[in-house]
Amino acid sequence: MNILLWLIFGGLAGWIASLITGNDPSLGIIGNITVGIVGAFIGGWIADKVQIGSGGVGPDRPTGLMSFMWAVVGAIILLAIINLIF
């Protein structure tokens, strides 16, 4: 069940981030899921460093509102870095 939640959570976070950065048509569903999950780790790391809210990392807290917000923030940062590279 946790894997399914991570896929849904990551897909939504990646999709919202790709809409914000303008990468939506080029990513596809697998890209959105990947960006969302990696973004959750990035956002969770940032949340832990600035000590604001709960991070998006860890199997025990995959669905909180703050975790989702940090996953979107992390995914936006990831997409911005990818856009700079390419």
PDB file of N, CA and C in Angstrom:
ATOM      1  N   MET A   1       0.820  -1.199   0.000  1.00  0.00           N
ATOM      2  CA  MET A   1       0.000   0.000   0.000  1.00  0.00           C
ATOM      3  C   MET A   1       0.861   1.259   0.000  1.00  0.00           C
ATOM      4  N   ASN A   2       1.979   1.235   0.741  1.00  0.00           N
ATOM      5  CA  ASN A   2       2.852   2.402   0.777  1.00  0.00           C
ATOM      6  C   ASN A   2       3.439   2.727  -0.588  1.00  0.00           C
ATOM      7  N   ILE A   3       3.770   1.707  -1.360  1.00  0.00           N
ATOM      8  CA  ILE A   3       4.336   1.947  -2.688  1.00  0.00           C
ATOM      9  C   ILE A   3       3.307   2.636  -3.573  1.00  0.00           C
ATOM     10  N   LEU A   4       2.070   2.208  -3.492  1.00  0.00           N
ATOM     11  CA  LEU A   4       1.006   2.837  -4.270  1.00  0.00           C
ATOM     12  C   LEU A   4       0.834   4.304  -3.862  1.00  0.00           C
ATOM     13  N   LEU A   5       0.882   4.588  -2.558  1.00  0.00           N
ATOM     14  CA  LEU A   5       0.777   5.969  -2.088  1.00  0.00           C
ATOM     15  C   LEU A   5       1.949   6.813  -2.581  1.00  0.00           C
ATOM     16  N   TRP A   6       3.159   6.240  -2.565  1.00  0.00           N
ATOM     17  CA  TRP A   6       4.324   6.975  -3.069  1.00  0.00           C
ATOM     18  C   TRP A   6       4.166   7.295  -4.555  1.00  0.00           C
ATOM     19  N   LEU A   7       3.642   6.347  -5.332  1.00  0.00           N
ATOM     20  CA  LEU A   7       3.457   6.588  -6.764  1.00  0.00           C
ATOM     21  C   LEU A   7       2.416   7.679  -7.015  1.00  0.00           C
ATOM     22  N   ILE A   8       1.303   7.621  -6.293  1.00  0.00           N
ATOM     23  CA  ILE A   8       0.257   8.641  -6.452  1.00  0.00           C
ATOM     24  C   ILE A   8       0.760   9.998  -5.972  1.00  0.00           C
ATOM     25  N   PHE A   9       1.349  10.015  -4.788  1.00  0.00           N
ATOM     26  CA  PHE A   9       1.887  11.233  -4.185  1.00  0.00           C
ATOM     27  C   PHE A   9       2.957  11.854  -5.097  1.00  0.00           C
ATOM     28  N   GLY A  10       3.886  11.024  -5.572  1.00  0.00           N
ATOM     29  CA  GLY A  10       4.946  11.504  -6.454  1.00  0.00           C
ATOM     30  C   GLY A  10       4.409  11.994  -7.787  1.00  0.00           C
ATOM     31  N   GLY A  11       3.431  11.274  -8.328  1.00  0.00           N
ATOM     32  CA  GLY A  11       2.840  11.687  -9.601  1.00  0.00           C
ATOM     33  C   GLY A  11       2.153  13.036  -9.509  1.00  0.00           C
ATOM     34  N   LEU A  12       1.379  13.242  -8.445  1.00  0.00           N
ATOM     35  CA  LEU A  12       0.704  14.533  -8.267  1.00  0.00           C
ATOM     36  C   LEU A  12       1.695  15.670  -8.032  1.00  0.00           C
ATOM     37  N   ALA A  13       2.687  15.435  -7.178  1.00  0.00           N
ATOM     38  CA  ALA A  13       3.680  16.475  -6.899  1.00  0.00           C
ATOM     39  C   ALA A  13       4.478  16.812  -8.154  1.00  0.00           C
ATOM     40  N   GLY A  14       4.887  15.791  -8.901  1.00  0.00           N
ATOM     41  CA  GLY A  14       5.630  16.024 -10.137  1.00  0.00           C
ATOM     42  C   GLY A  14       4.796  16.721 -11.189  1.00  0.00           C
ATOM     43  N   TRP A  15       3.521  16.361 -11.276  1.00  0.00           N
ATOM     44  CA  TRP A  15       2.635  16.984 -12.255  1.00  0.00           C
ATOM     45  C   TRP A  15       2.436  18.467 -11.940  1.00  0.00           C
ATOM     46  N   ILE A  16       2.175  18.790 -10.673  1.00  0.00           N
ATOM     47  CA  ILE A  16       1.991  20.198 -10.289  1.00  0.00           C
ATOM     48  C   ILE A  16       3.266  20.980 -10.537  1.00  0.00           C
ATOM     49  N   ALA A  17       4.412  20.405 -10.184  1.00  0.00           N
ATOM     50  CA  ALA A  17       5.689  21.090 -10.412  1.00  0.00           C
ATOM     51  C   ALA A  17       5.949  21.290 -11.901  1.00  0.00           C
ATOM     52  N   SER A  18       5.607  20.300 -12.717  1.00  0.00           N
ATOM     53  CA  SER A  18       5.842  20.438 -14.154  1.00  0.00           C
ATOM     54  C   SER A  18       4.903  21.472 -14.771  1.00  0.00           C
ATOM     55  N   LEU A  19       3.688  21.613 -14.230  1.00  0.00           N
ATOM     56  CA  LEU A  19       2.798  22.672 -14.696  1.00  0.00           C
ATOM     57  C   LEU A  19       3.363  24.048 -14.353  1.00  0.00           C
ATOM     58  N   ILE A  20       3.911  24.179 -13.161  1.00  0.00           N
ATOM     59  CA  ILE A  20       4.467  25.464 -12.720  1.00  0.00           C
ATOM     60  C   ILE A  20       5.683  25.841 -13.546  1.00  0.00           C
ATOM     61  N   THR A  21       6.545  24.867 -13.854  1.00  0.00           N
ATOM     62  CA  THR A  21       7.773  25.168 -14.594  1.00  0.00           C
ATOM     63  C   THR A  21       7.596  25.107 -16.107  1.00  0.00           C
ATOM     64  N   GLY A  22       6.448  24.652 -16.590  1.00  0.00           N
ATOM     65  CA  GLY A  22       6.199  24.598 -18.030  1.00  0.00           C
ATOM     66  C   GLY A  22       6.750  23.361 -18.713  1.00  0.00           C
ATOM     67  N   ASN A  23       7.062  22.316 -17.961  1.00  0.00           N
ATOM     68  CA  ASN A  23       7.607  21.080 -18.535  1.00  0.00           C
ATOM     69  C   ASN A  23       6.558  19.999 -18.708  1.00  0.00           C
ATOM     70  N   ASP A  24       5.296  20.295 -18.517  1.00  0.00           N
ATOM     71  CA  ASP A  24       4.259  19.263 -18.477  1.00  0.00           C
ATOM     72  C   ASP A  24       4.193  18.398 -19.729  1.00  0.00           C
ATOM     73  N   PRO A  25       4.180  18.955 -20.935  1.00  0.00           N
ATOM     74  CA  PRO A  25       4.036  18.079 -22.106  1.00  0.00           C
ATOM     75  C   PRO A  25       5.229  17.151 -22.324  1.00  0.00           C
ATOM     76  N   SER A  26       6.409  17.535 -21.874  1.00  0.00           N
ATOM     77  CA  SER A  26       7.597  16.750 -22.181  1.00  0.00           C
ATOM     78  C   SER A  26       7.879  15.625 -21.187  1.00  0.00           C
ATOM     79  N   LEU A  27       7.262  15.630 -20.011  1.00  0.00           N
ATOM     80  CA  LEU A  27       7.615  14.635 -18.988  1.00  0.00           C
ATOM     81  C   LEU A  27       6.859  13.325 -19.107  1.00  0.00           C
ATOM     82  N   GLY A  28       5.564  13.379 -19.242  1.00  0.00           N
ATOM     83  CA  GLY A  28       4.768  12.162 -19.239  1.00  0.00           C
ATOM     84  C   GLY A  28       4.550  11.667 -17.814  1.00  0.00           C
ATOM     85  N   ILE A  29       3.779  10.595 -17.688  1.00  0.00           N
ATOM     86  CA  ILE A  29       3.405  10.124 -16.354  1.00  0.00           C
ATOM     87  C   ILE A  29       4.592   9.543 -15.586  1.00  0.00           C
ATOM     88  N   ILE A  30       5.452   8.802 -16.245  1.00  0.00           N
ATOM     89  CA  ILE A  30       6.620   8.223 -15.570  1.00  0.00           C
ATOM     90  C   ILE A  30       7.574   9.339 -15.138  1.00  0.00           C
ATOM     91  N   GLY A  31       7.749  10.320 -15.980  1.00  0.00           N
ATOM     92  CA  GLY A  31       8.597  11.458 -15.621  1.00  0.00           C
ATOM     93  C   GLY A  31       8.041  12.236 -14.451  1.00  0.00           C
ATOM     94  N   ASN A  32       6.722  12.445 -14.435  1.00  0.00           N
ATOM     95  CA  ASN A  32       6.097  13.158 -13.317  1.00  0.00           C
ATOM     96  C   ASN A  32       6.256  12.390 -12.008  1.00  0.00           C
ATOM     97  N   ILE A  33       6.070  11.087 -12.054  1.00  0.00           N
ATOM     98  CA  ILE A  33       6.225  10.271 -10.845  1.00  0.00           C
ATOM     99  C   ILE A  33       7.662  10.329 -10.350  1.00  0.00           C
ATOM    100  N   THR A  34       8.609  10.172 -11.267  1.00  0.00           N
ATOM    101  CA  THR A  34      10.021  10.205 -10.888  1.00  0.00           C
ATOM    102  C   THR A  34      10.414  11.555 -10.309  1.00  0.00           C
ATOM    103  N   VAL A  35      10.021  12.631 -10.989  1.00  0.00           N
ATOM    104  CA  VAL A  35      10.336  13.976 -10.506  1.00  0.00           C
ATOM    105  C   VAL A  35       9.683  14.227  -9.150  1.00  0.00           C
ATOM    106  N   GLY A  36       8.464  13.756  -8.968  1.00  0.00           N
ATOM    107  CA  GLY A  36       7.763  13.951  -7.703  1.00  0.00           C
ATOM    108  C   GLY A  36       8.411  13.211  -6.546  1.00  0.00           C
ATOM    109  N   ILE A  37       8.842  11.980  -6.779  1.00  0.00           N
ATOM    110  CA  ILE A  37       9.471  11.202  -5.717  1.00  0.00           C
ATOM    111  C   ILE A  37      10.847  11.770  -5.379  1.00  0.00           C
ATOM    112  N   VAL A  38      11.642  12.078  -6.391  1.00  0.00           N
ATOM    113  CA  VAL A  38      12.951  12.691  -6.131  1.00  0.00           C
ATOM    114  C   VAL A  38      12.766  14.072  -5.492  1.00  0.00           C
ATOM    115  N   GLY A  39      11.768  14.799  -5.955  1.00  0.00           N
ATOM    116  CA  GLY A  39      11.460  16.100  -5.363  1.00  0.00           C
ATOM    117  C   GLY A  39      11.051  15.986  -3.906  1.00  0.00           C
ATOM    118  N   ALA A  40      10.368  14.901  -3.534  1.00  0.00           N
ATOM    119  CA  ALA A  40       9.996  14.685  -2.135  1.00  0.00           C
ATOM    120  C   ALA A  40      11.234  14.511  -1.269  1.00  0.00           C
ATOM    121  N   PHE A  41      12.234  13.812  -1.791  1.00  0.00           N
ATOM    122  CA  PHE A  41      13.479  13.669  -1.036  1.00  0.00           C
ATOM    123  C   PHE A  41      14.218  15.000  -0.923  1.00  0.00           C
ATOM    124  N   ILE A  42      14.262  15.761  -2.011  1.00  0.00           N
ATOM    125  CA  ILE A  42      14.912  17.071  -1.983  1.00  0.00           C
ATOM    126  C   ILE A  42      14.163  18.003  -1.032  1.00  0.00           C
ATOM    127  N   GLY A  43      12.859  18.058  -1.159  1.00  0.00           N
ATOM    128  CA  GLY A  43      12.053  18.905  -0.284  1.00  0.00           C
ATOM    129  C   GLY A  43      12.142  18.484   1.170  1.00  0.00           C
ATOM    130  N   GLY A  44      12.182  17.178   1.428  1.00  0.00           N
ATOM    131  CA  GLY A  44      12.337  16.676   2.793  1.00  0.00           C
ATOM    132  C   GLY A  44      13.672  17.062   3.388  1.00  0.00           C
ATOM    133  N   TRP A  45      14.716  17.005   2.567  1.00  0.00           N
ATOM    134  CA  TRP A  45      16.042  17.405   3.027  1.00  0.00           C
ATOM    135  C   TRP A  45      16.061  18.899   3.374  1.00  0.00           C
ATOM    136  N   ILE A  46      15.450  19.712   2.511  1.00  0.00           N
ATOM    137  CA  ILE A  46      15.383  21.156   2.764  1.00  0.00           C
ATOM    138  C   ILE A  46      14.570  21.437   4.028  1.00  0.00           C
ATOM    139  N   ALA A  47      13.441  20.752   4.182  1.00  0.00           N
ATOM    140  CA  ALA A  47      12.596  20.955   5.367  1.00  0.00           C
ATOM    141  C   ALA A  47      13.346  20.590   6.644  1.00  0.00           C
ATOM    142  N   ASP A  48      14.138  19.535   6.589  1.00  0.00           N
ATOM    143  CA  ASP A  48      14.924  19.159   7.756  1.00  0.00           C
ATOM    144  C   ASP A  48      16.000  20.195   8.066  1.00  0.00           C
ATOM    145  N   LYS A  49      16.609  20.761   7.023  1.00  0.00           N
ATOM    146  CA  LYS A  49      17.676  21.751   7.227  1.00  0.00           C
ATOM    147  C   LYS A  49      17.142  23.072   7.774  1.00  0.00           C
ATOM    148  N   VAL A  50      15.993  23.511   7.283  1.00  0.00           N
ATOM    149  CA  VAL A  50      15.436  24.786   7.760  1.00  0.00           C
ATOM    150  C   VAL A  50      14.470  24.580   8.919  1.00  0.00           C
ATOM    151  N   GLN A  51      14.190  23.317   9.254  1.00  0.00           N
ATOM    152  CA  GLN A  51      13.328  22.931  10.374  1.00  0.00           C
ATOM    153  C   GLN A  51      11.943  23.574  10.294  1.00  0.00           C
ATOM    154  N   ILE A  52      11.360  23.511   9.094  1.00  0.00           N
ATOM    155  CA  ILE A  52      10.001  24.015   8.880  1.00  0.00           C
ATOM    156  C   ILE A  52       9.150  22.860   8.384  1.00  0.00           C
ATOM    157  N   GLY A  53       8.181  22.456   9.141  1.00  0.00           N
ATOM    158  CA  GLY A  53       7.256  21.412   8.713  1.00  0.00           C
ATOM    159  C   GLY A  53       7.926  20.059   8.633  1.00  0.00           C
ATOM    160  N   SER A  54       7.168  19.083   8.264  1.00  0.00           N
ATOM    161  CA  SER A  54       7.697  17.735   8.108  1.00  0.00           C
ATOM    162  C   SER A  54       8.161  17.548   6.683  1.00  0.00           C
ATOM    163  N   GLY A  55       9.229  16.809   6.523  1.00  0.00           N
ATOM    164  CA  GLY A  55       9.754  16.548   5.194  1.00  0.00           C
ATOM    165  C   GLY A  55       8.956  15.490   4.473  1.00  0.00           C
ATOM    166  N   GLY A  56       9.230  15.307   3.215  1.00  0.00           N
ATOM    167  CA  GLY A  56       8.518  14.320   2.426  1.00  0.00           C
ATOM    168  C   GLY A  56       9.199  12.974   2.395  1.00  0.00           C
ATOM    169  N   VAL A  57      10.216  12.767   3.244  1.00  0.00           N
ATOM    170  CA  VAL A  57      10.995  11.552   3.186  1.00  0.00           C
ATOM    171  C   VAL A  57      10.569  10.607   4.298  1.00  0.00           C
ATOM    172  N   GLY A  58      10.470   9.365   3.980  1.00  0.00           N
ATOM    173  CA  GLY A  58      10.187   8.358   4.994  1.00  0.00           C
ATOM    174  C   GLY A  58       8.865   7.665   4.759  1.00  0.00           C
ATOM    175  N   PRO A  59       8.837   6.350   4.966  1.00  0.00           N
ATOM    176  CA  PRO A  59       7.618   5.602   4.708  1.00  0.00           C
ATOM    177  C   PRO A  59       6.510   5.876   5.718  1.00  0.00           C
ATOM    178  N   ASP A  60       6.830   6.473   6.860  1.00  0.00           N
ATOM    179  CA  ASP A  60       5.821   6.705   7.877  1.00  0.00           C
ATOM    180  C   ASP A  60       5.054   8.001   7.681  1.00  0.00           C
ATOM    181  N   ARG A  61       5.459   8.862   6.757  1.00  0.00           N
ATOM    182  CA  ARG A  61       4.761  10.131   6.551  1.00  0.00           C
ATOM    183  C   ARG A  61       4.687  10.513   5.077  1.00  0.00           C
ATOM    184  N   PRO A  62       4.083   9.670   4.249  1.00  0.00           N
ATOM    185  CA  PRO A  62       4.061   9.989   2.823  1.00  0.00           C
ATOM    186  C   PRO A  62       2.901  10.862   2.368  1.00  0.00           C
ATOM    187  N   THR A  63       1.923  11.167   3.217  1.00  0.00           N
ATOM    188  CA  THR A  63       0.725  11.802   2.689  1.00  0.00           C
ATOM    189  C   THR A  63       0.309  13.087   3.391  1.00  0.00           C
ATOM    190  N   GLY A  64       1.115  13.656   4.246  1.00  0.00           N
ATOM    191  CA  GLY A  64       0.729  14.887   4.927  1.00  0.00           C
ATOM    192  C   GLY A  64       0.738  16.083   3.995  1.00  0.00           C
ATOM    193  N   LEU A  65      -0.038  17.095   4.343  1.00  0.00           N
ATOM    194  CA  LEU A  65      -0.120  18.300   3.516  1.00  0.00           C
ATOM    195  C   LEU A  65       1.220  19.020   3.424  1.00  0.00           C
ATOM    196  N   MET A  66       1.925  19.141   4.557  1.00  0.00           N
ATOM    197  CA  MET A  66       3.237  19.791   4.527  1.00  0.00           C
ATOM    198  C   MET A  66       4.230  18.961   3.708  1.00  0.00           C
ATOM    199  N   SER A  67       4.153  17.649   3.820  1.00  0.00           N
ATOM    200  CA  SER A  67       5.030  16.781   3.022  1.00  0.00           C
ATOM    201  C   SER A  67       4.764  16.979   1.537  1.00  0.00           C
ATOM    202  N   PHE A  68       3.494  17.101   1.180  1.00  0.00           N
ATOM    203  CA  PHE A  68       3.148  17.318  -0.219  1.00  0.00           C
ATOM    204  C   PHE A  68       3.683  18.656  -0.699  1.00  0.00           C
ATOM    205  N   MET A  69       3.544  19.695   0.118  1.00  0.00           N
ATOM    206  CA  MET A  69       4.050  21.013  -0.249  1.00  0.00           C
ATOM    207  C   MET A  69       5.564  20.966  -0.462  1.00  0.00           C
ATOM    208  N   TRP A  70       6.277  20.295   0.443  1.00  0.00           N
ATOM    209  CA  TRP A  70       7.730  20.194   0.295  1.00  0.00           C
ATOM    210  C   TRP A  70       8.114  19.334  -0.907  1.00  0.00           C
ATOM    211  N   ALA A  71       7.310  18.325  -1.226  1.00  0.00           N
ATOM    212  CA  ALA A  71       7.580  17.520  -2.417  1.00  0.00           C
ATOM    213  C   ALA A  71       7.448  18.363  -3.674  1.00  0.00           C
ATOM    214  N   VAL A  72       6.446  19.219  -3.741  1.00  0.00           N
ATOM    215  CA  VAL A  72       6.267  20.108  -4.893  1.00  0.00           C
ATOM    216  C   VAL A  72       7.424  21.098  -4.972  1.00  0.00           C
ATOM    217  N   VAL A  73       7.811  21.665  -3.836  1.00  0.00           N
ATOM    218  CA  VAL A  73       8.946  22.605  -3.823  1.00  0.00           C
ATOM    219  C   VAL A  73      10.213  21.905  -4.296  1.00  0.00           C
ATOM    220  N   GLY A  74      10.461  20.706  -3.792  1.00  0.00           N
ATOM    221  CA  GLY A  74      11.636  19.945  -4.218  1.00  0.00           C
ATOM    222  C   GLY A  74      11.589  19.596  -5.693  1.00  0.00           C
ATOM    223  N   ALA A  75      10.416  19.248  -6.198  1.00  0.00           N
ATOM    224  CA  ALA A  75      10.274  18.918  -7.620  1.00  0.00           C
ATOM    225  C   ALA A  75      10.493  20.156  -8.491  1.00  0.00           C
ATOM    226  N   ILE A  76      10.024  21.312  -8.036  1.00  0.00           N
ATOM    227  CA  ILE A  76      10.263  22.557  -8.782  1.00  0.00           C
ATOM    228  C   ILE A  76      11.754  22.848  -8.836  1.00  0.00           C
ATOM    229  N   ILE A  77      12.448  22.663  -7.716  1.00  0.00           N
ATOM    230  CA  ILE A  77      13.899  22.883  -7.688  1.00  0.00           C
ATOM    231  C   ILE A  77      14.596  21.911  -8.634  1.00  0.00           C
ATOM    232  N   LEU A  78      14.189  20.646  -8.596  1.00  0.00           N
ATOM    233  CA  LEU A  78      14.779  19.643  -9.490  1.00  0.00           C
ATOM    234  C   LEU A  78      14.554  20.000 -10.957  1.00  0.00           C
ATOM    235  N   LEU A  79      13.336  20.395 -11.307  1.00  0.00           N
ATOM    236  CA  LEU A  79      13.050  20.768 -12.697  1.00  0.00           C
ATOM    237  C   LEU A  79      13.794  22.029 -13.114  1.00  0.00           C
ATOM    238  N   ALA A  80      13.980  22.959 -12.198  1.00  0.00           N
ATOM    239  CA  ALA A  80      14.752  24.171 -12.510  1.00  0.00           C
ATOM    240  C   ALA A  80      16.206  23.808 -12.806  1.00  0.00           C
ATOM    241  N   ILE A  81      16.771  22.898 -12.032  1.00  0.00           N
ATOM    242  CA  ILE A  81      18.150  22.455 -12.276  1.00  0.00           C
ATOM    243  C   ILE A  81      18.240  21.719 -13.611  1.00  0.00           C
ATOM    244  N   ILE A  82      17.266  20.858 -13.890  1.00  0.00           N
ATOM    245  CA  ILE A  82      17.253  20.137 -15.169  1.00  0.00           C
ATOM    246  C   ILE A  82      17.136  21.116 -16.334  1.00  0.00           C
ATOM    247  N   ASN A  83      16.291  22.136 -16.191  1.00  0.00           N
ATOM    248  CA  ASN A  83      16.134  23.144 -17.250  1.00  0.00           C
ATOM    249  C   ASN A  83      17.436  23.918 -17.461  1.00  0.00           C
ATOM    250  N   LEU A  84      18.169  24.189 -16.387  1.00  0.00           N
ATOM    251  CA  LEU A  84      19.449  24.890 -16.533  1.00  0.00           C
ATOM    252  C   LEU A  84      20.472  24.042 -17.261  1.00  0.00           C
ATOM    253  N   ILE A  85      20.474  22.742 -16.989  1.00  0.00           N
ATOM    254  CA  ILE A  85      21.444  21.842 -17.625  1.00  0.00           C
ATOM    255  C   ILE A  85      21.132  21.659 -19.103  1.00  0.00           C
ATOM    256  N   PHE A  86      19.843  21.495 -19.423  1.00  0.00           N
ATOM    257  CA  PHE A  86      19.466  21.252 -20.816  1.00  0.00           C
ATOM    258  C   PHE A  86      18.912  22.503 -21.431  1.00  0.00           C
TER     259      PHE A  86
END
